[in-house]
Amino acid sequence: MEIKSKIRIKDIAERAGVSVGTVDRVIHGSSNVSPISLERVQKVLDEINFTPNHYASALASHNVHQFAAILPMHEVDSYWARVESGLMDGVRRFNDFKISFKIFRYDPFNTESFKYECQSLLDANPDTVIIGPIFNYNIMANFTARLDERSIPYALLDSNWPEFNHRIFYGQDSLRSGAFSGRIMSLAVKSDTKKIALFKVLGEGRVASRQQMNREVGFRKYMEENCPDIEIVDLNLYAYDKQGMRDIMHEFFTNNPDICYALSFNSSIHIIADFLRQEMPEHPHVTLLGYDALNANVECVKNGSVDFLIAQHPQTQGLNCFRSMFNSCVLKMALPRDHYMAIELLTKENIDYYKD
C-alpha cells in the first residue's frame, strides 16, 4: 500500500502562490481572505484531498473556549443534579483543551428569574450555550433569537423546540414518552377502572417545562384512542406549599376512594407515594407511575409504593450533550441535530440493574 507523505501548510502555500498565513486562514474558515487567494488555495486543497486535523488545531490554539449552561435550580438528589454532573464530566474529559464553563441557574417556576439569568449569561458573552428547559415560548424565542444574532451556537437539553435554530438536542421524545406511559397504565388497569389521577406540580399556575406538557399530550391522546371510557382526573399540587400539598392529597383520596391508579410526568411521584404510605396507610394500594430514577423515587419502587418509573439516563444525557457541542463547535465536526434518549421502564424487579 502506498504511504503518502505528509502535506505541510508551507507546501500548500507554495503550490497556491500565497503566504502560509493565507492558507491557515482558509483552512480555519476566516473571512479575511481575498476571493482570488481563496480560489487558489481551495483548488490545491481539492487536488490533494486535504482534510484538516481540527483536533490538533484546537489543542494547539491559544483561544479559551467559553461554554455556558442555563439550568433549573435543583436539590442534591434531583434529575437536574445528575444532568449537571454529566456536563461537568464532559468538561473534565476535555481538560486537555482550554475550556471555561459557567452555569447559570434559574427558578423553573419564575419567568423573571429565567429572564434575569438569560441576561447574565449574555453579558458573559460565551462561545457556546447549553439550555435547560423553560416553559414560556415567548421568553425562549427572545433568548434564542439574541443568541442567533450573536452567532452563538446553542444546545437544548431535555425539552425540544424544533422551531428554534439549535445546534444539538438531547432528551426523550416527550410525546412518545407520554404515549408509552399511557400504554403501561392501560395494561395495568382492571377492566372496571373508571378513573386515573394525573398529579401536576405547578408554579405560576403551570408545569415547569414543555417536556412535561408534551408528555401529558402524548398520554391523553393514547388514552383517548385506546381507553376512551377512563376519565383522567387532574390534581394540581403547588411547588412552594408543602403543607398545602398534603392537605390537597388528603382531601382528594378521602373523597375518591375508587382511585387506584395515578401518575405524574416529573420527578415528584415519591411525594404522592410517601404521603399514601405514611399518612393514609389504610387506603387501598394505588398503582403509581412516575419519571426519573432519583434516590427518593428508587426507594419507593423498592418498598412497593411506586410501581413504575420511566427513566432516561440524565447524567449520560448531560455528558453526551456537552461532548456533541464540543465536537461541533470546537472540532467543527458535522453531527445530527436531534439525539433521543431511550424510554426505559423500571420496576422492582429490574431497578437494581439500572445504571446511569
Protein backbone atom coordinates (compact mmCIF):
# COMPACT_ATOMS: atom_id res chain seq x y z
CA MET A 1 0.00 0.00 0.00
CA GLU A 2 1.36 3.41 -0.94
CA ILE A 3 2.05 5.69 2.01
CA LYS A 4 1.54 9.34 1.19
CA SER A 5 3.99 11.85 2.58
CA LYS A 6 2.60 14.43 4.95
CA ILE A 7 1.46 17.64 3.26
CA ARG A 8 2.59 20.75 5.10
CA ILE A 9 0.85 24.12 5.06
CA LYS A 10 4.09 25.50 3.62
CA ASP A 11 3.78 23.11 0.66
CA ILE A 12 0.19 24.17 0.02
CA ALA A 13 1.20 27.83 0.15
CA GLU A 14 3.97 27.32 -2.41
CA ARG A 15 1.67 25.45 -4.80
CA ALA A 16 -1.04 28.12 -4.49
CA GLY A 17 1.38 31.04 -4.69
CA VAL A 18 0.18 32.61 -1.43
CA SER A 19 1.53 33.05 2.08
CA VAL A 20 1.42 30.44 4.83
CA GLY A 21 -0.84 32.79 6.81
CA THR A 22 -3.35 32.90 3.95
CA VAL A 23 -3.53 29.09 3.82
CA ASP A 24 -4.03 28.93 7.56
CA ARG A 25 -6.90 31.44 7.37
CA VAL A 26 -8.60 29.47 4.59
CA ILE A 27 -8.30 26.17 6.45
CA HIS A 28 -9.80 27.67 9.60
CA GLY A 29 -12.64 29.45 7.82
CA SER A 30 -11.52 33.04 8.29
CA SER A 31 -13.32 35.62 6.17
CA ASN A 32 -10.20 37.80 5.94
CA VAL A 33 -9.05 36.29 2.61
CA SER A 34 -9.43 37.74 -0.89
CA PRO A 35 -11.61 35.81 -3.37
CA ILE A 36 -8.62 35.20 -5.68
CA SER A 37 -6.45 33.78 -2.89
CA LEU A 38 -9.34 31.70 -1.58
CA GLU A 39 -9.86 30.18 -5.02
CA ARG A 40 -6.17 29.37 -5.42
CA VAL A 41 -5.86 27.72 -2.02
CA GLN A 42 -9.13 25.80 -2.33
CA LYS A 43 -8.04 24.43 -5.72
CA VAL A 44 -4.85 23.00 -4.18
CA LEU A 45 -6.77 21.61 -1.19
CA ASP A 46 -9.18 19.84 -3.55
CA GLU A 47 -6.33 18.43 -5.63
CA ILE A 48 -4.62 16.86 -2.62
CA ASN A 49 -7.89 15.85 -0.92
CA PHE A 50 -6.83 17.78 2.17
CA THR A 51 -8.60 17.04 5.46
CA PRO A 52 -7.74 19.44 8.30
CA ASN A 53 -6.82 18.00 11.68
CA HIS A 54 -9.26 20.03 13.77
CA TYR A 55 -8.40 18.14 16.95
CA ALA A 56 -4.72 19.08 16.72
CA SER A 57 -5.59 22.64 15.71
CA ALA A 58 -7.94 23.09 18.66
CA LEU A 59 -5.38 21.57 21.02
CA ALA A 60 -2.69 23.96 19.79
CA SER A 61 -4.96 27.01 19.83
CA HIS A 62 -4.36 29.73 22.38
CA ASN A 63 -8.07 30.56 22.48
CA VAL A 64 -10.16 29.73 25.55
CA HIS A 65 -13.43 28.03 24.55
CA GLN A 66 -16.09 29.62 26.75
CA PHE A 67 -19.04 27.32 27.44
CA ALA A 68 -22.10 28.34 29.46
CA ALA A 69 -25.23 26.48 30.56
CA ILE A 70 -28.51 27.77 31.94
CA LEU A 71 -30.31 25.16 34.06
CA PRO A 72 -33.15 24.97 36.58
CA MET A 73 -32.21 25.31 40.25
CA HIS A 74 -32.18 21.88 41.84
CA GLU A 75 -31.64 19.89 45.00
CA VAL A 76 -28.78 17.44 45.52
CA ASP A 77 -30.87 14.36 44.69
CA SER A 78 -32.61 15.54 41.57
CA TYR A 79 -32.83 14.93 37.84
CA TRP A 80 -31.02 18.18 37.07
CA ALA A 81 -28.25 17.49 39.57
CA ARG A 82 -27.43 14.41 37.52
CA VAL A 83 -27.62 16.29 34.24
CA GLU A 84 -25.23 18.89 35.67
CA SER A 85 -22.90 16.12 36.85
CA GLY A 86 -22.83 14.80 33.28
CA LEU A 87 -21.98 18.24 31.91
CA MET A 88 -19.12 18.59 34.38
CA ASP A 89 -17.89 15.14 33.40
CA GLY A 90 -17.77 16.39 29.81
CA VAL A 91 -15.67 19.38 30.86
CA ARG A 92 -13.23 17.08 32.66
CA ARG A 93 -12.94 14.77 29.66
CA PHE A 94 -11.74 17.65 27.50
CA ASN A 95 -9.42 19.18 30.09
CA ASP A 96 -6.50 18.99 27.64
CA PHE A 97 -8.15 21.92 25.87
CA LYS A 98 -8.55 25.45 27.15
CA ILE A 99 -12.16 25.42 28.36
CA SER A 100 -14.10 27.62 30.73
CA PHE A 101 -17.58 26.58 31.85
CA LYS A 102 -20.09 28.62 33.82
CA ILE A 103 -23.58 27.55 34.92
CA PHE A 104 -26.46 30.00 35.40
CA ARG A 105 -29.36 28.65 37.48
CA TYR A 106 -32.96 29.90 37.42
CA ASP A 107 -36.15 29.17 39.33
CA PRO A 108 -38.15 26.94 36.93
CA PHE A 109 -41.42 28.34 38.28
CA ASN A 110 -40.42 32.01 37.96
CA THR A 111 -40.17 33.52 34.49
CA GLU A 112 -38.48 36.68 35.78
CA SER A 113 -35.72 34.52 37.26
CA PHE A 114 -35.15 32.90 33.87
CA LYS A 115 -35.08 36.28 32.08
CA TYR A 116 -32.55 37.63 34.60
CA GLU A 117 -30.23 34.64 34.23
CA CYS A 118 -30.53 34.80 30.44
CA GLN A 119 -29.28 38.38 30.53
CA SER A 120 -26.48 37.44 32.90
CA LEU A 121 -25.43 34.69 30.51
CA LEU A 122 -25.49 37.04 27.52
CA ASP A 123 -23.41 39.57 29.46
CA ALA A 124 -20.77 36.86 29.96
CA ASN A 125 -20.55 36.55 26.13
CA PRO A 126 -19.85 32.79 25.88
CA ASP A 127 -18.89 30.98 22.69
CA THR A 128 -21.30 28.07 23.20
CA VAL A 129 -24.50 27.70 25.26
CA ILE A 130 -26.48 24.75 26.65
CA ILE A 131 -30.09 25.47 27.65
CA GLY A 132 -32.22 23.53 30.12
CA PRO A 133 -35.99 23.79 29.61
CA ILE A 134 -38.29 26.71 30.23
CA PHE A 135 -42.00 26.59 29.56
CA ASN A 136 -42.63 30.12 28.22
CA TYR A 137 -42.38 30.19 24.43
CA ASN A 138 -42.01 33.95 24.06
CA ILE A 139 -39.13 34.15 26.53
CA MET A 140 -37.35 31.22 24.89
CA ALA A 141 -37.90 32.69 21.43
CA ASN A 142 -36.45 36.03 22.54
CA PHE A 143 -33.45 34.43 24.21
CA THR A 144 -32.57 32.13 21.31
CA ALA A 145 -33.04 34.99 18.83
CA ARG A 146 -30.46 37.02 20.73
CA LEU A 147 -28.08 34.06 20.63
CA ASP A 148 -28.68 33.76 16.88
CA GLU A 149 -27.98 37.48 16.42
CA ARG A 150 -24.58 37.00 18.05
CA SER A 151 -23.94 33.74 16.13
CA ILE A 152 -23.63 31.84 19.41
CA PRO A 153 -24.45 28.15 18.86
CA TYR A 154 -26.65 26.51 21.48
CA ALA A 155 -27.93 23.11 22.51
CA LEU A 156 -31.28 22.19 24.04
CA LEU A 157 -31.40 19.72 26.92
CA ASP A 158 -34.48 17.70 27.88
CA SER A 159 -37.11 19.85 26.09
CA ASN A 160 -37.01 20.07 22.29
CA TRP A 161 -38.18 23.16 20.42
CA PRO A 162 -37.91 22.13 16.73
CA GLU A 163 -38.75 25.64 15.55
CA PHE A 164 -35.56 27.10 17.03
CA ASN A 165 -32.13 27.16 15.44
CA HIS A 166 -30.35 24.93 17.96
CA ARG A 167 -27.22 23.01 17.03
CA ILE A 168 -27.93 19.92 19.20
CA PHE A 169 -30.83 18.45 21.19
CA TYR A 170 -30.55 15.70 23.81
CA GLY A 171 -33.60 14.24 25.57
CA GLN A 172 -36.57 11.91 25.21
CA ASP A 173 -39.20 12.17 22.53
CA SER A 174 -41.68 13.62 25.00
CA LEU A 175 -44.83 12.85 23.01
CA ARG A 176 -43.84 9.20 22.62
CA SER A 177 -42.79 9.06 26.25
CA GLY A 178 -46.25 10.22 27.27
CA ALA A 179 -47.87 7.68 24.95
CA PHE A 180 -45.64 4.99 26.46
CA SER A 181 -46.86 5.87 29.95
CA GLY A 182 -50.41 5.59 28.62
CA ARG A 183 -49.71 2.12 27.28
CA ILE A 184 -48.24 0.98 30.61
CA MET A 185 -51.23 2.31 32.55
CA SER A 186 -53.70 0.77 30.10
CA LEU A 187 -52.05 -2.62 30.65
CA ALA A 188 -52.10 -2.18 34.43
CA VAL A 189 -55.72 -1.10 34.95
CA LYS A 190 -58.53 -3.52 35.71
CA SER A 191 -61.41 -3.87 33.28
CA ASP A 192 -63.79 -1.91 35.53
CA THR A 193 -61.43 1.07 36.08
CA LYS A 194 -63.24 4.38 35.66
CA LYS A 195 -60.62 6.96 36.66
CA ILE A 196 -56.87 7.64 36.62
CA ALA A 197 -55.45 10.56 38.61
CA LEU A 198 -52.88 12.85 36.99
CA PHE A 199 -50.78 14.80 39.52
CA LYS A 200 -49.18 18.05 38.37
CA VAL A 201 -46.70 20.10 40.39
CA LEU A 202 -47.31 23.72 39.44
CA GLY A 203 -45.65 27.08 39.90
CA GLU A 204 -47.09 30.32 38.50
CA GLY A 205 -50.10 28.21 37.51
CA ARG A 206 -48.16 25.92 35.15
CA VAL A 207 -45.80 22.97 34.97
CA ALA A 208 -42.08 23.69 34.80
CA SER A 209 -41.25 22.63 31.24
CA ARG A 210 -42.52 21.94 27.76
CA GLN A 211 -41.32 18.36 28.19
CA GLN A 212 -43.94 17.72 30.88
CA MET A 213 -46.64 19.38 28.82
CA ASN A 214 -45.84 17.22 25.79
CA ARG A 215 -45.79 14.05 27.88
CA GLU A 216 -49.31 14.87 29.00
CA VAL A 217 -50.40 15.49 25.40
CA GLY A 218 -48.98 12.10 24.32
CA PHE A 219 -50.59 10.36 27.30
CA ARG A 220 -54.03 11.87 26.78
CA LYS A 221 -54.00 11.08 23.06
CA TYR A 222 -53.11 7.44 23.75
CA MET A 223 -55.82 7.10 26.39
CA GLU A 224 -58.45 8.74 24.19
CA GLU A 225 -57.67 6.33 21.38
CA ASN A 226 -57.30 3.17 23.46
CA CYS A 227 -59.17 3.68 26.75
CA PRO A 228 -61.86 6.26 25.96
CA ASP A 229 -64.07 5.27 28.89
CA ILE A 230 -61.43 6.05 31.53
CA GLU A 231 -61.62 9.57 32.94
CA ILE A 232 -58.35 11.45 33.57
CA VAL A 233 -58.76 13.40 36.83
CA ASP A 234 -56.35 16.32 37.24
CA LEU A 235 -54.98 17.19 40.66
CA ASN A 236 -52.78 20.28 40.99
CA LEU A 237 -50.09 20.48 43.67
CA TYR A 238 -48.21 23.71 44.30
CA ALA A 239 -44.43 23.58 44.39
CA TYR A 240 -43.88 26.02 47.24
CA ASP A 241 -46.72 24.90 49.52
CA LYS A 242 -45.70 21.60 51.14
CA GLN A 243 -48.47 21.59 53.73
CA GLY A 244 -50.96 22.54 51.05
CA MET A 245 -49.84 19.52 49.01
CA ARG A 246 -50.62 17.20 51.91
CA ASP A 247 -53.99 18.81 52.55
CA ILE A 248 -54.97 18.57 48.87
CA MET A 249 -53.94 14.91 48.62
CA HIS A 250 -55.71 14.01 51.87
CA GLU A 251 -58.95 15.57 50.68
CA PHE A 252 -58.62 14.04 47.22
CA PHE A 253 -58.01 10.44 48.30
CA THR A 254 -60.63 10.71 51.07
CA ASN A 255 -63.24 11.84 48.56
CA ASN A 256 -62.10 9.45 45.81
CA PRO A 257 -61.60 6.01 47.40
CA ASP A 258 -62.14 4.45 43.96
CA ILE A 259 -58.91 6.00 42.59
CA CYS A 260 -56.45 3.11 42.34
CA TYR A 261 -54.20 4.40 39.53
CA ALA A 262 -52.22 7.63 39.28
CA LEU A 263 -49.20 9.12 37.55
CA SER A 264 -47.03 12.21 37.37
CA PHE A 265 -44.88 13.49 34.49
CA ASN A 266 -41.99 14.86 36.51
CA SER A 267 -39.77 13.60 39.35
CA SER A 268 -42.39 14.09 42.09
CA ILE A 269 -44.06 10.66 42.25
CA HIS A 270 -42.31 9.90 45.58
CA ILE A 271 -44.29 12.77 47.15
CA ILE A 272 -47.58 11.01 46.39
CA ALA A 273 -46.20 7.59 47.33
CA ASP A 274 -44.76 8.75 50.66
CA PHE A 275 -47.99 10.57 51.54
CA LEU A 276 -50.11 7.49 50.94
CA ARG A 277 -47.72 5.18 52.78
CA GLN A 278 -47.20 7.43 55.81
CA GLU A 279 -50.47 9.35 56.21
CA MET A 280 -53.13 7.13 54.64
CA PRO A 281 -51.83 3.56 55.13
CA GLU A 282 -55.39 2.16 55.20
CA HIS A 283 -56.14 3.44 51.69
CA PRO A 284 -56.20 0.66 49.05
CA HIS A 285 -52.96 0.38 47.07
CA VAL A 286 -52.68 2.99 44.34
CA THR A 287 -50.69 1.86 41.29
CA LEU A 288 -48.29 4.75 40.66
CA LEU A 289 -46.21 5.63 37.59
CA GLY A 290 -43.62 8.41 37.64
CA TYR A 291 -40.47 9.68 35.98
CA ASP A 292 -36.75 9.76 36.81
CA ALA A 293 -34.67 7.35 38.88
CA LEU A 294 -33.90 9.72 41.75
CA ASN A 295 -32.93 8.12 45.04
CA ALA A 296 -36.30 9.00 46.57
CA ASN A 297 -38.20 7.50 43.62
CA VAL A 298 -36.00 4.40 43.54
CA GLU A 299 -36.61 3.80 47.24
CA CYS A 300 -40.36 3.98 46.62
CA VAL A 301 -40.09 1.39 43.86
CA LYS A 302 -38.12 -0.90 46.16
CA ASN A 303 -40.62 -0.60 49.02
CA GLY A 304 -43.54 -1.17 46.64
CA SER A 305 -45.23 2.23 46.94
CA VAL A 306 -44.35 3.14 43.31
CA ASP A 307 -44.95 0.51 40.64
CA PHE A 308 -43.34 2.02 37.52
CA LEU A 309 -40.63 4.56 36.77
CA ILE A 310 -39.71 5.85 33.33
CA ALA A 311 -36.04 6.82 33.19
CA GLN A 312 -33.75 8.46 30.64
CA HIS A 313 -30.13 8.46 31.95
CA PRO A 314 -29.75 12.17 32.87
CA GLN A 315 -26.01 12.00 33.60
CA THR A 316 -25.29 10.36 30.25
CA GLN A 317 -27.58 12.91 28.64
CA GLY A 318 -25.57 15.80 30.09
CA LEU A 319 -22.22 14.23 29.16
CA ASN A 320 -23.24 13.46 25.60
CA CYS A 321 -24.75 16.90 25.10
CA PHE A 322 -21.52 18.60 26.18
CA ARG A 323 -19.42 16.21 24.08
CA SER A 324 -21.55 16.85 20.99
CA MET A 325 -21.36 20.63 21.37
CA PHE A 326 -17.59 20.41 21.85
CA ASN A 327 -17.21 18.25 18.76
CA SER A 328 -19.49 20.51 16.72
CA CYS A 329 -18.30 23.94 17.86
CA VAL A 330 -14.62 23.36 18.68
CA LEU A 331 -13.64 20.44 16.44
CA LYS A 332 -16.02 21.53 13.65
CA MET A 333 -17.46 18.05 13.22
CA ALA A 334 -20.75 17.58 11.35
CA LEU A 335 -23.28 15.95 13.68
CA PRO A 336 -27.01 15.15 13.58
CA ARG A 337 -29.15 17.75 15.34
CA ASP A 338 -31.54 15.63 17.40
CA HIS A 339 -30.45 12.86 19.76
CA TYR A 340 -33.26 10.98 21.53
CA MET A 341 -32.65 9.17 24.81
CA ALA A 342 -34.13 5.72 25.46
CA ILE A 343 -37.52 5.44 27.14
CA GLU A 344 -36.79 2.88 29.86
CA LEU A 345 -39.31 1.27 32.19
CA LEU A 346 -38.08 0.42 35.70
CA THR A 347 -39.85 -1.85 38.17
CA LYS A 348 -38.99 -3.50 41.47
CA GLU A 349 -37.61 -6.50 39.57
CA ASN A 350 -35.06 -4.64 37.41
CA ILE A 351 -34.30 -1.35 39.16
CA ASP A 352 -31.14 -2.66 40.84
CA TYR A 353 -29.61 -3.05 37.39
CA TYR A 354 -30.32 0.47 36.13
CA LYS A 355 -27.08 2.36 35.72
CA ASP A 356 -26.71 5.92 34.52
